[in-house]
């Protein structure tokens, strides 16, 4: 039997037919509607499209960027999606006449990496997905840790700079405000303002429009040798290492898998982040340190993990 795994994000709904070995056999994608009914129509539509092409599909896994209750049926809150306290799994199951399993997207990605990727065979593994913000998942003895109410672990909102940059969550100084694609762009803008004569590539590309600076653009400029972009990447590396030290002090994982869109630029910052991590962790010279690796499954991890969960539950 095969399952359809979906990664439901604020921009797009990505879907894949996945077999029991974690291999992706087919994919499809649609844009994410802003209204609740239209969103569920889009999800049901992409499921039916793939199901028409693969008759042996027997289950569906939904990976959602939001708070998923421990009943694994309800999306309590999703900042970039329309659902609020919505019984999403039941609704989609009725529309497509298949069993539906619901999971937080970072949890699903962590499970995908544990079953088929970088964290395979480990007892305690953490996934840190660095993109627009930070998502995180934790596996203990191979099982997803969700906390008492289904929302753990919100590592991106650990406070690393008291009174620091404002975060959309309402707090200040959250880890993701200093270590994400958004943070990389913000740091570059700040550095350009303080040192207007030091940049070459980045200043030329974004002259007169600081709002056009994105994390992807900063990473590209850093590869081209732009000094401001390189300093911004160094700041991200510092905060990644500092944050990972906090994660390791609390959870003591065997491995931390770095995923998300920013992980594609890992050669620019990961070695330096490891150095900061080693310097910041408690008792570094007297304990084994977690391995820090990039995700093997890349952007597909959440779809693969969601499908694996659906196949287990079917």
Protein backbone atom coordinates (compact mmCIF):
# COMPACT_ATOMS: atom_id res chain seq x y z
CA UNK A 1 0.00 0.00 0.00
CA UNK A 2 1.01 3.59 -0.62
CA UNK A 3 0.06 6.85 1.07
CA UNK A 4 -0.22 10.45 0.00
CA UNK A 5 1.77 12.81 2.19
CA UNK A 6 0.95 16.52 2.08
CA UNK A 7 2.93 19.50 3.34
CA UNK A 8 0.39 22.28 3.87
CA UNK A 9 2.17 25.62 4.08
CA UNK A 10 1.21 29.26 3.82
CA UNK A 11 2.19 29.51 0.15
CA UNK A 12 1.54 26.08 -1.33
CA UNK A 13 0.09 22.63 -0.69
CA UNK A 14 2.67 20.06 -1.79
CA UNK A 15 1.70 16.40 -2.11
CA UNK A 16 3.53 13.17 -2.85
CA UNK A 17 2.69 9.51 -3.30
CA UNK A 18 5.07 7.63 -0.98
CA UNK A 19 5.69 3.91 -0.64
CA UNK A 20 6.58 1.94 2.51
CA UNK A 21 10.31 2.43 1.87
CA UNK A 22 9.92 6.22 1.94
CA UNK A 23 10.40 6.62 -1.81
CA UNK A 24 8.47 9.37 -3.58
CA UNK A 25 6.71 8.02 -6.66
CA UNK A 26 4.75 11.05 -7.84
CA UNK A 27 4.12 14.66 -6.78
CA UNK A 28 1.69 17.51 -7.27
CA UNK A 29 1.29 21.03 -5.94
CA UNK A 30 -1.37 23.74 -5.69
CA UNK A 31 -1.42 27.23 -4.23
CA UNK A 32 -2.71 27.70 -0.68
CA UNK A 33 -6.10 29.48 -0.60
CA UNK A 34 -6.69 31.98 2.19
CA UNK A 35 -10.22 30.83 3.07
CA UNK A 36 -11.00 27.69 5.06
CA UNK A 37 -13.42 25.96 2.66
CA UNK A 38 -11.26 26.78 -0.35
CA UNK A 39 -8.19 25.39 1.43
CA UNK A 40 -9.93 22.10 2.13
CA UNK A 41 -11.18 21.99 -1.46
CA UNK A 42 -7.61 22.42 -2.68
CA UNK A 43 -6.30 19.67 -0.40
CA UNK A 44 -9.06 17.27 -1.44
CA UNK A 45 -8.46 18.13 -5.09
CA UNK A 46 -4.75 17.38 -5.06
CA UNK A 47 -5.39 14.13 -3.18
CA UNK A 48 -7.92 13.04 -5.77
CA UNK A 49 -5.58 13.98 -8.62
CA UNK A 50 -2.81 11.76 -7.25
CA UNK A 51 -5.24 9.01 -6.27
CA UNK A 52 -6.50 8.87 -9.84
CA UNK A 53 -2.93 8.20 -10.96
CA UNK A 54 -2.18 5.63 -8.21
CA UNK A 55 -5.02 3.24 -7.39
CA UNK A 56 -3.18 1.55 -4.48
CA UNK A 57 -3.22 4.69 -2.28
CA UNK A 58 -4.83 3.71 1.03
CA UNK A 59 -4.16 6.58 3.44
CA UNK A 60 -3.37 10.28 3.68
CA UNK A 61 -0.96 12.14 5.96
CA UNK A 62 -1.27 15.90 6.43
CA UNK A 63 1.73 17.88 7.71
CA UNK A 64 0.57 21.33 8.79
CA UNK A 65 2.45 24.45 9.84
CA UNK A 66 0.46 25.06 13.03
CA UNK A 67 -0.51 23.79 16.47
CA UNK A 68 -1.92 20.26 16.21
CA UNK A 69 -3.84 18.95 19.22
CA UNK A 70 -2.89 15.61 20.75
CA UNK A 71 -6.07 14.10 19.29
CA UNK A 72 -4.22 14.34 15.94
CA UNK A 73 -7.46 15.56 14.40
CA UNK A 74 -7.62 19.24 15.28
CA UNK A 75 -5.57 22.21 14.09
CA UNK A 76 -5.79 24.58 17.04
CA UNK A 77 -3.99 27.49 15.37
CA UNK A 78 -1.96 28.05 12.23
CA UNK A 79 -0.50 31.54 11.73
CA UNK A 80 -0.46 31.36 7.91
CA UNK A 81 -3.53 29.15 7.38
CA UNK A 82 -7.26 29.72 7.85
CA UNK A 83 -7.90 26.99 10.45
CA UNK A 84 -8.78 27.81 14.05
CA UNK A 85 -9.83 24.92 16.35
CA UNK A 86 -10.80 22.99 13.21
CA UNK A 87 -11.29 19.18 13.01
CA UNK A 88 -9.21 19.04 9.85
CA UNK A 89 -8.47 15.31 9.70
CA UNK A 90 -12.14 14.37 9.96
CA UNK A 91 -13.17 16.92 7.36
CA UNK A 92 -10.61 15.81 4.79
CA UNK A 93 -11.30 12.12 5.48
CA UNK A 94 -14.99 12.66 4.69
CA UNK A 95 -14.17 14.47 1.46
CA UNK A 96 -11.76 11.85 0.08
CA UNK A 97 -13.09 8.69 1.79
CA UNK A 98 -9.64 7.72 3.09
CA UNK A 99 -8.17 7.63 6.61
CA UNK A 100 -6.30 10.87 7.35
CA UNK A 101 -3.50 11.37 9.87
CA UNK A 102 -2.62 14.91 10.96
CA UNK A 103 0.76 16.10 12.24
CA UNK A 104 2.79 19.27 12.76
CA UNK A 105 5.06 19.80 9.75
CA UNK A 106 8.34 19.84 11.70
CA UNK A 107 7.34 16.70 13.61
CA UNK A 108 6.58 14.98 10.32
CA UNK A 109 9.91 16.12 8.87
CA UNK A 110 11.76 14.85 11.95
CA UNK A 111 10.06 11.48 11.61
CA UNK A 112 10.91 11.33 7.91
CA UNK A 113 14.58 11.98 8.65
CA UNK A 114 14.54 9.40 11.46
CA UNK A 115 12.99 6.68 9.31
CA UNK A 116 14.69 7.36 6.00
CA UNK A 117 17.30 10.13 6.35
CA UNK A 118 20.03 11.71 8.43
CA UNK A 119 18.71 10.63 11.85
CA UNK A 120 18.12 6.96 11.00
CA UNK A 121 18.90 4.63 13.91
CA UNK A 122 19.25 7.31 16.60
CA UNK A 123 17.47 7.22 19.98
CA UNK A 124 17.17 10.97 20.60
CA UNK A 125 17.07 13.27 17.59
CA UNK A 126 16.11 16.89 17.06
CA UNK A 127 15.23 18.58 13.79
CA UNK A 128 15.61 22.34 13.39
CA UNK A 129 13.98 23.58 10.19
CA UNK A 130 15.33 27.01 9.29
CA UNK A 131 13.28 28.93 6.77
CA UNK A 132 11.21 32.09 7.15
CA UNK A 133 11.30 31.23 10.86
CA UNK A 134 12.33 28.14 12.81
CA UNK A 135 10.29 24.98 13.15
CA UNK A 136 11.42 22.10 15.32
CA UNK A 137 10.70 18.47 16.04
CA UNK A 138 11.99 16.09 18.72
CA UNK A 139 12.08 12.29 18.68
CA UNK A 140 12.61 10.31 21.89
CA UNK A 141 13.28 6.61 21.37
CA UNK A 142 11.96 7.05 17.86
CA UNK A 143 8.64 8.55 19.01
CA UNK A 144 7.53 12.12 18.34
CA UNK A 145 7.48 14.24 21.49
CA UNK A 146 4.49 16.58 21.36
CA UNK A 147 4.23 17.84 24.95
CA UNK A 148 1.13 17.86 27.13
CA UNK A 149 -1.03 19.76 24.64
CA UNK A 150 0.54 18.98 21.28
CA UNK A 151 2.56 22.15 20.64
CA UNK A 152 6.10 21.18 21.71
CA UNK A 153 8.85 22.02 20.93
CA UNK A 154 8.57 25.69 19.86
CA UNK A 155 12.33 26.16 19.81
CA UNK A 156 12.20 29.09 17.41
CA UNK A 157 10.64 31.18 20.15
CA UNK A 158 13.26 30.62 22.80
CA UNK A 159 14.44 34.08 23.87
CA UNK A 160 18.11 34.49 23.00
CA UNK A 161 18.28 38.32 23.15
CA UNK A 162 16.12 39.78 25.94
CA UNK A 163 14.40 42.88 24.58
CA UNK A 164 15.74 42.14 21.09
CA UNK A 165 14.04 42.16 17.72
CA UNK A 166 10.25 42.04 17.72
CA UNK A 167 8.77 38.68 16.71
CA UNK A 168 5.34 38.11 15.12
CA UNK A 169 4.59 35.79 18.05
CA UNK A 170 4.42 38.88 20.30
CA UNK A 171 7.72 38.33 22.09
CA UNK A 172 11.09 40.00 21.61
CA UNK A 173 14.47 38.47 20.91
CA UNK A 174 13.27 35.03 19.75
CA UNK A 175 15.86 32.68 18.27
CA UNK A 176 14.23 32.78 14.84
CA UNK A 177 14.60 36.58 14.72
CA UNK A 178 18.39 36.00 14.65
CA UNK A 179 18.65 32.64 12.91
CA UNK A 180 16.40 32.27 9.83
CA UNK A 181 16.10 33.50 6.28
CA UNK A 182 14.19 36.52 7.58
CA UNK A 183 16.87 37.16 10.19
CA UNK A 184 19.65 36.95 7.61
CA UNK A 185 17.97 39.69 5.57
CA UNK A 186 17.32 41.85 8.67
CA UNK A 187 20.93 41.57 9.77
CA UNK A 188 22.17 42.54 6.32
CA UNK A 189 19.90 45.61 6.26
CA UNK A 190 21.21 46.70 9.66
CA UNK A 191 24.83 46.21 8.61
CA UNK A 192 24.34 48.10 5.33
CA UNK A 193 22.90 51.04 7.26
CA UNK A 194 25.86 51.07 9.68
CA UNK A 195 28.55 50.46 7.06
CA UNK A 196 27.29 51.89 3.74
CA UNK A 197 30.70 51.86 2.09
CA UNK A 198 31.64 48.27 2.79
CA UNK A 199 29.28 46.34 0.54
CA UNK A 200 29.71 45.70 -3.15
CA UNK A 201 27.41 43.04 -4.59
CA UNK A 202 24.57 43.43 -2.09
CA UNK A 203 24.48 47.23 -2.18
CA UNK A 204 24.52 47.28 -5.97
CA UNK A 205 21.75 44.70 -6.30
CA UNK A 206 19.45 46.40 -3.79
CA UNK A 207 20.34 50.04 -4.32
CA UNK A 208 17.46 52.26 -3.25
CA UNK A 209 15.25 49.38 -2.15
CA UNK A 210 16.35 47.73 1.13
CA UNK A 211 13.06 45.83 1.11
CA UNK A 212 14.31 43.76 -1.82
CA UNK A 213 16.95 42.14 0.40
CA UNK A 214 16.05 38.52 1.13
CA UNK A 215 17.88 35.74 2.91
CA UNK A 216 18.44 33.98 -0.41
CA UNK A 217 19.92 37.16 -1.89
CA UNK A 218 22.23 37.64 1.09
CA UNK A 219 23.46 34.05 0.84
CA UNK A 220 24.17 34.51 -2.87
CA UNK A 221 26.08 37.73 -2.21
CA UNK A 222 28.10 35.98 0.51
CA UNK A 223 29.13 33.31 -1.99
CA UNK A 224 30.26 36.13 -4.31
CA UNK A 225 32.49 37.58 -1.59
CA UNK A 226 30.37 40.53 -0.45
CA UNK A 227 31.76 41.55 2.98
CA UNK A 228 28.45 42.72 4.46
CA UNK A 229 26.69 39.56 3.34
CA UNK A 230 29.50 37.45 4.79
CA UNK A 231 29.19 39.27 8.13
CA UNK A 232 25.44 38.65 8.12
CA UNK A 233 26.01 34.94 7.47
CA UNK A 234 28.59 34.88 10.29
CA UNK A 235 25.95 36.36 12.62
CA UNK A 236 23.50 33.63 11.61
CA UNK A 237 26.19 31.01 12.28
CA UNK A 238 26.81 32.48 15.72
CA UNK A 239 23.14 32.39 16.68
CA UNK A 240 22.64 28.94 15.23
CA UNK A 241 25.46 27.64 17.40
CA UNK A 242 24.19 29.46 20.49
CA UNK A 243 20.67 28.14 19.99
CA UNK A 244 21.81 24.59 19.33
CA UNK A 245 23.77 24.68 22.58
CA UNK A 246 20.55 25.52 24.43
CA UNK A 247 18.74 22.70 22.65
CA UNK A 248 21.52 20.25 23.54
CA UNK A 249 21.64 21.37 27.17
CA UNK A 250 17.92 20.63 27.53
CA UNK A 251 17.44 17.52 25.35
CA UNK A 252 20.95 16.02 24.95
CA UNK A 253 20.24 14.61 21.46
CA UNK A 254 22.50 12.26 19.55
CA UNK A 255 21.95 14.26 16.37
CA UNK A 256 20.51 17.60 15.33
CA UNK A 257 19.29 17.65 11.75
CA UNK A 258 19.25 21.07 10.08
CA UNK A 259 16.48 21.33 7.51
CA UNK A 260 14.37 24.03 5.89
CA UNK A 261 15.15 26.30 2.98
CA UNK A 262 18.16 27.96 4.60
CA UNK A 263 19.87 24.58 4.99
CA UNK A 264 20.63 24.72 1.27
CA UNK A 265 23.25 27.36 2.13
CA UNK A 266 24.72 25.27 4.97
CA UNK A 267 28.26 25.21 3.48
CA UNK A 268 28.39 28.96 4.19
CA UNK A 269 27.72 28.69 7.91
CA UNK A 270 27.49 25.19 9.36
CA UNK A 271 31.16 24.67 10.26
CA UNK A 272 31.27 28.03 12.04
CA UNK A 273 27.98 27.23 13.79
CA UNK A 274 29.48 23.99 15.09
CA UNK A 275 32.36 25.99 16.60
CA UNK A 276 29.95 28.34 18.39
CA UNK A 277 27.91 25.34 19.55
CA UNK A 278 30.97 23.64 21.02
CA UNK A 279 32.03 26.84 22.78
CA UNK A 280 28.58 27.53 24.25
CA UNK A 281 27.39 24.09 25.37
CA UNK A 282 27.73 23.19 29.03
CA UNK A 283 30.72 20.93 29.78
CA UNK A 284 31.79 20.53 26.16
CA UNK A 285 35.08 18.83 27.03
CA UNK A 286 33.44 16.34 29.36
CA UNK A 287 30.52 14.98 27.34
CA UNK A 288 29.72 13.55 23.92
CA UNK A 289 28.42 16.21 21.57
CA UNK A 290 25.48 15.81 19.24
CA UNK A 291 26.30 15.40 15.58
CA UNK A 292 24.97 18.30 13.51
CA UNK A 293 23.97 17.28 9.99
CA UNK A 294 21.87 18.68 7.17
CA UNK A 295 18.63 16.92 6.24
CA UNK A 296 18.94 14.14 3.67
CA UNK A 297 15.35 14.44 2.48
CA UNK A 298 15.43 18.22 2.04
CA UNK A 299 12.06 19.89 1.45
CA UNK A 300 10.42 16.48 1.00
CA UNK A 301 10.93 15.38 4.62
CA UNK A 302 7.52 16.52 5.91
CA UNK A 303 5.64 14.80 3.06
CA UNK A 304 7.57 11.57 3.56
CA UNK A 305 7.11 11.65 7.33
CA UNK A 306 3.39 12.41 7.05
CA UNK A 307 2.95 9.51 4.63
CA UNK A 308 4.86 7.17 6.97
CA UNK A 309 2.56 8.12 9.84
CA UNK A 310 -0.50 7.56 7.66
CA UNK A 311 0.71 4.10 6.62
CA UNK A 312 1.29 3.18 10.28
CA UNK A 313 -2.19 4.28 11.27
CA UNK A 314 -4.02 2.70 8.32
